Amino acid sequence: MSVIPVMLIVWGVVAACFLALLAYRGQLTRYEEDQLFLNAGGDCHEQKEQNEIIRKVTQIGPAIRVLGFAAAAMTVGIVGIFTYDAWQRLQ
């Protein structure tokens, strides 16, 4: 069972990166406001800030999905290995 410690370390790194990205996204969207800018000139500073926030959030979206899926798959794999090992020891 030498693969378990390696899998746990990799899972910890993936989960930590996933949680860090979630925290970063939460920090970004904390200042996002639900406003409708009706300025005819379209040169509003607040609108540019909101567009930048939206750009950053959409840019990290795929990484969040990939890391979330990887963490979930590794969790299932680790639990499966532990279950298989326990089953073999009971028999």
N, C-alpha and C. Protein backbone atom coordinates (compact mmCIF):
# COMPACT_ATOMS: atom_id res chain seq x y z
N MET A 1 0.83 -1.20 0.00
CA MET A 1 0.00 0.00 0.00
C MET A 1 0.87 1.26 0.00
N SER A 2 1.95 1.29 -0.73
CA SER A 2 2.83 2.46 -0.76
C SER A 2 2.28 3.58 -1.63
N VAL A 3 1.24 3.29 -2.38
CA VAL A 3 0.66 4.32 -3.24
C VAL A 3 -0.25 5.28 -2.47
N ILE A 4 -0.75 4.86 -1.33
CA ILE A 4 -1.68 5.69 -0.55
C ILE A 4 -1.04 6.99 -0.07
N PRO A 5 0.15 6.97 0.54
CA PRO A 5 0.72 8.25 0.98
C PRO A 5 0.96 9.22 -0.18
N VAL A 6 1.39 8.71 -1.31
CA VAL A 6 1.61 9.57 -2.48
C VAL A 6 0.28 10.16 -2.95
N MET A 7 -0.75 9.34 -3.01
CA MET A 7 -2.07 9.83 -3.43
C MET A 7 -2.61 10.86 -2.45
N LEU A 8 -2.38 10.67 -1.16
CA LEU A 8 -2.86 11.63 -0.18
C LEU A 8 -2.13 12.96 -0.30
N ILE A 9 -0.85 12.92 -0.59
CA ILE A 9 -0.09 14.16 -0.77
C ILE A 9 -0.57 14.90 -2.02
N VAL A 10 -0.73 14.18 -3.12
CA VAL A 10 -1.21 14.81 -4.36
C VAL A 10 -2.63 15.34 -4.16
N TRP A 11 -3.47 14.57 -3.48
CA TRP A 11 -4.83 15.04 -3.20
C TRP A 11 -4.81 16.31 -2.37
N GLY A 12 -3.92 16.37 -1.37
CA GLY A 12 -3.82 17.56 -0.53
C GLY A 12 -3.41 18.78 -1.33
N VAL A 13 -2.48 18.61 -2.25
CA VAL A 13 -2.04 19.74 -3.08
C VAL A 13 -3.17 20.19 -4.00
N VAL A 14 -3.85 19.25 -4.64
CA VAL A 14 -4.96 19.58 -5.54
C VAL A 14 -6.09 20.26 -4.77
N ALA A 15 -6.43 19.72 -3.60
CA ALA A 15 -7.50 20.32 -2.80
C ALA A 15 -7.12 21.71 -2.31
N ALA A 16 -5.86 21.91 -1.93
CA ALA A 16 -5.42 23.23 -1.48
C ALA A 16 -5.48 24.25 -2.62
N CYS A 17 -5.07 23.85 -3.81
CA CYS A 17 -5.16 24.75 -4.97
C CYS A 17 -6.62 25.07 -5.29
N PHE A 18 -7.47 24.06 -5.22
CA PHE A 18 -8.89 24.26 -5.48
C PHE A 18 -9.50 25.24 -4.48
N LEU A 19 -9.20 25.06 -3.21
CA LEU A 19 -9.73 25.96 -2.18
C LEU A 19 -9.15 27.37 -2.32
N ALA A 20 -7.89 27.48 -2.72
CA ALA A 20 -7.29 28.80 -2.91
C ALA A 20 -7.97 29.54 -4.06
N LEU A 21 -8.27 28.82 -5.15
CA LEU A 21 -8.97 29.46 -6.26
C LEU A 21 -10.39 29.86 -5.88
N LEU A 22 -11.05 29.03 -5.08
CA LEU A 22 -12.39 29.40 -4.61
C LEU A 22 -12.34 30.65 -3.73
N ALA A 23 -11.35 30.73 -2.88
CA ALA A 23 -11.19 31.91 -2.02
C ALA A 23 -10.89 33.15 -2.86
N TYR A 24 -10.04 33.00 -3.88
CA TYR A 24 -9.71 34.11 -4.76
C TYR A 24 -10.94 34.60 -5.51
N ARG A 25 -11.73 33.65 -6.03
CA ARG A 25 -12.95 34.03 -6.73
C ARG A 25 -13.93 34.72 -5.79
N GLY A 26 -14.02 34.24 -4.55
CA GLY A 26 -14.88 34.88 -3.57
C GLY A 26 -14.43 36.29 -3.25
N GLN A 27 -13.12 36.48 -3.19
CA GLN A 27 -12.59 37.81 -2.92
C GLN A 27 -12.87 38.75 -4.09
N LEU A 28 -12.77 38.25 -5.31
CA LEU A 28 -13.07 39.07 -6.48
C LEU A 28 -14.54 39.47 -6.53
N THR A 29 -15.40 38.50 -6.34
CA THR A 29 -16.84 38.77 -6.49
C THR A 29 -17.42 39.48 -5.28
N ARG A 30 -16.65 39.61 -4.24
CA ARG A 30 -17.12 40.34 -3.06
C ARG A 30 -17.39 41.80 -3.38
N TYR A 31 -16.63 42.36 -4.30
CA TYR A 31 -16.78 43.77 -4.64
C TYR A 31 -17.59 43.98 -5.91
N GLU A 32 -18.07 42.91 -6.49
CA GLU A 32 -18.88 43.04 -7.70
C GLU A 32 -20.27 43.51 -7.30
N GLU A 33 -20.78 44.44 -8.04
CA GLU A 33 -22.09 45.00 -7.75
C GLU A 33 -23.03 44.70 -8.89
N ASP A 34 -24.29 44.60 -8.54
CA ASP A 34 -25.32 44.41 -9.55
C ASP A 34 -25.86 45.78 -9.93
N GLN A 35 -25.26 46.35 -10.96
CA GLN A 35 -25.67 47.67 -11.41
C GLN A 35 -25.88 47.64 -12.91
N LEU A 36 -26.72 48.52 -13.34
CA LEU A 36 -26.96 48.70 -14.76
C LEU A 36 -26.45 50.08 -15.12
N PHE A 37 -25.45 50.14 -15.97
CA PHE A 37 -24.85 51.41 -16.35
C PHE A 37 -25.55 51.93 -17.61
N LEU A 38 -26.19 53.05 -17.47
CA LEU A 38 -26.96 53.62 -18.58
C LEU A 38 -26.29 54.87 -19.15
N ASN A 39 -25.04 55.06 -18.88
CA ASN A 39 -24.33 56.22 -19.38
C ASN A 39 -24.20 56.10 -20.89
N ALA A 40 -24.61 57.12 -21.59
CA ALA A 40 -24.60 57.08 -23.05
C ALA A 40 -23.17 57.05 -23.60
N GLY A 41 -22.25 57.68 -22.89
CA GLY A 41 -20.87 57.72 -23.37
C GLY A 41 -20.17 56.38 -23.23
N GLY A 42 -20.59 55.59 -22.29
CA GLY A 42 -19.97 54.29 -22.09
C GLY A 42 -18.56 54.39 -21.54
N ASP A 43 -18.21 55.54 -20.94
CA ASP A 43 -16.86 55.77 -20.45
C ASP A 43 -16.84 55.78 -18.92
N CYS A 44 -17.70 55.01 -18.33
CA CYS A 44 -17.85 55.00 -16.88
C CYS A 44 -16.75 54.15 -16.24
N HIS A 45 -16.10 54.69 -15.23
CA HIS A 45 -15.00 54.00 -14.55
C HIS A 45 -15.49 52.74 -13.83
N GLU A 46 -16.66 52.83 -13.20
CA GLU A 46 -17.20 51.68 -12.49
C GLU A 46 -17.51 50.52 -13.43
N GLN A 47 -17.96 50.87 -14.63
CA GLN A 47 -18.27 49.83 -15.61
C GLN A 47 -17.00 49.10 -16.03
N LYS A 48 -15.90 49.82 -16.17
CA LYS A 48 -14.63 49.19 -16.53
C LYS A 48 -14.15 48.26 -15.41
N GLU A 49 -14.32 48.69 -14.17
CA GLU A 49 -13.93 47.85 -13.04
C GLU A 49 -14.75 46.57 -13.00
N GLN A 50 -16.05 46.69 -13.23
CA GLN A 50 -16.92 45.51 -13.22
C GLN A 50 -16.57 44.56 -14.36
N ASN A 51 -16.25 45.11 -15.51
CA ASN A 51 -15.86 44.26 -16.64
C ASN A 51 -14.55 43.53 -16.36
N GLU A 52 -13.64 44.18 -15.67
CA GLU A 52 -12.37 43.54 -15.30
C GLU A 52 -12.60 42.41 -14.30
N ILE A 53 -13.49 42.63 -13.35
CA ILE A 53 -13.81 41.58 -12.38
C ILE A 53 -14.43 40.38 -13.08
N ILE A 54 -15.36 40.64 -13.98
CA ILE A 54 -16.02 39.55 -14.71
C ILE A 54 -15.00 38.80 -15.57
N ARG A 55 -14.06 39.51 -16.18
CA ARG A 55 -13.04 38.87 -17.00
C ARG A 55 -12.17 37.94 -16.15
N LYS A 56 -11.78 38.39 -14.97
CA LYS A 56 -10.95 37.56 -14.09
C LYS A 56 -11.71 36.32 -13.61
N VAL A 57 -12.98 36.51 -13.26
CA VAL A 57 -13.77 35.38 -12.77
C VAL A 57 -13.97 34.34 -13.87
N THR A 58 -14.27 34.78 -15.08
CA THR A 58 -14.46 33.82 -16.16
C THR A 58 -13.14 33.17 -16.58
N GLN A 59 -12.03 33.85 -16.34
CA GLN A 59 -10.74 33.29 -16.69
C GLN A 59 -10.34 32.15 -15.75
N ILE A 60 -10.68 32.23 -14.47
CA ILE A 60 -10.30 31.17 -13.54
C ILE A 60 -11.38 30.09 -13.43
N GLY A 61 -12.51 30.27 -14.08
CA GLY A 61 -13.60 29.30 -14.03
C GLY A 61 -13.22 27.89 -14.47
N PRO A 62 -12.58 27.75 -15.63
CA PRO A 62 -12.19 26.39 -16.06
C PRO A 62 -11.21 25.71 -15.10
N ALA A 63 -10.28 26.46 -14.54
CA ALA A 63 -9.33 25.87 -13.59
C ALA A 63 -10.04 25.39 -12.34
N ILE A 64 -11.04 26.13 -11.89
CA ILE A 64 -11.81 25.71 -10.72
C ILE A 64 -12.55 24.41 -11.01
N ARG A 65 -13.15 24.33 -12.19
CA ARG A 65 -13.88 23.10 -12.54
C ARG A 65 -12.94 21.90 -12.64
N VAL A 66 -11.78 22.07 -13.26
CA VAL A 66 -10.83 20.97 -13.42
C VAL A 66 -10.30 20.51 -12.07
N LEU A 67 -9.89 21.46 -11.23
CA LEU A 67 -9.36 21.09 -9.91
C LEU A 67 -10.45 20.48 -9.03
N GLY A 68 -11.67 20.96 -9.13
CA GLY A 68 -12.77 20.38 -8.35
C GLY A 68 -13.04 18.95 -8.78
N PHE A 69 -13.06 18.72 -10.09
CA PHE A 69 -13.27 17.37 -10.59
C PHE A 69 -12.11 16.45 -10.18
N ALA A 70 -10.89 16.96 -10.28
CA ALA A 70 -9.72 16.14 -9.91
C ALA A 70 -9.75 15.79 -8.42
N ALA A 71 -10.10 16.75 -7.58
CA ALA A 71 -10.16 16.48 -6.14
C ALA A 71 -11.25 15.46 -5.83
N ALA A 72 -12.39 15.60 -6.49
CA ALA A 72 -13.49 14.65 -6.26
C ALA A 72 -13.11 13.25 -6.75
N ALA A 73 -12.49 13.16 -7.92
CA ALA A 73 -12.10 11.85 -8.45
C ALA A 73 -11.03 11.20 -7.58
N MET A 74 -10.10 11.99 -7.10
CA MET A 74 -9.07 11.43 -6.22
C MET A 74 -9.66 10.99 -4.89
N THR A 75 -10.63 11.72 -4.38
CA THR A 75 -11.29 11.33 -3.14
C THR A 75 -11.98 9.98 -3.32
N VAL A 76 -12.69 9.82 -4.41
CA VAL A 76 -13.36 8.55 -4.69
C VAL A 76 -12.34 7.44 -4.84
N GLY A 77 -11.24 7.72 -5.52
CA GLY A 77 -10.19 6.71 -5.70
C GLY A 77 -9.55 6.29 -4.38
N ILE A 78 -9.27 7.25 -3.53
CA ILE A 78 -8.65 6.93 -2.24
C ILE A 78 -9.61 6.13 -1.36
N VAL A 79 -10.87 6.55 -1.33
CA VAL A 79 -11.87 5.80 -0.54
C VAL A 79 -12.04 4.40 -1.11
N GLY A 80 -12.01 4.27 -2.44
CA GLY A 80 -12.11 2.95 -3.06
C GLY A 80 -10.94 2.05 -2.70
N ILE A 81 -9.74 2.60 -2.69
CA ILE A 81 -8.57 1.80 -2.32
C ILE A 81 -8.63 1.38 -0.86
N PHE A 82 -9.03 2.29 0.01
CA PHE A 82 -9.18 1.93 1.43
C PHE A 82 -10.24 0.86 1.61
N THR A 83 -11.35 0.98 0.91
CA THR A 83 -12.43 0.00 1.01
C THR A 83 -11.97 -1.36 0.49
N TYR A 84 -11.28 -1.36 -0.63
CA TYR A 84 -10.77 -2.61 -1.18
C TYR A 84 -9.78 -3.26 -0.22
N ASP A 85 -8.90 -2.47 0.36
CA ASP A 85 -7.92 -2.99 1.30
C ASP A 85 -8.62 -3.56 2.54
N ALA A 86 -9.62 -2.87 3.04
CA ALA A 86 -10.35 -3.38 4.20
C ALA A 86 -11.09 -4.66 3.85
N TRP A 87 -11.65 -4.74 2.68
CA TRP A 87 -12.36 -5.94 2.23
C TRP A 87 -11.40 -7.13 2.15
N GLN A 88 -10.20 -6.90 1.63
CA GLN A 88 -9.23 -7.97 1.53
C GLN A 88 -8.75 -8.43 2.90
N ARG A 89 -8.66 -7.55 3.84
CA ARG A 89 -8.23 -7.94 5.18
C ARG A 89 -9.31 -8.70 5.94
N LEU A 90 -10.57 -8.44 5.63
CA LEU A 90 -11.67 -9.15 6.29
C LEU A 90 -11.81 -10.58 5.79
N GLN A 91 -11.39 -10.84 4.61
CA GLN A 91 -11.57 -12.19 4.04
C GLN A 91 -10.44 -13.10 4.38
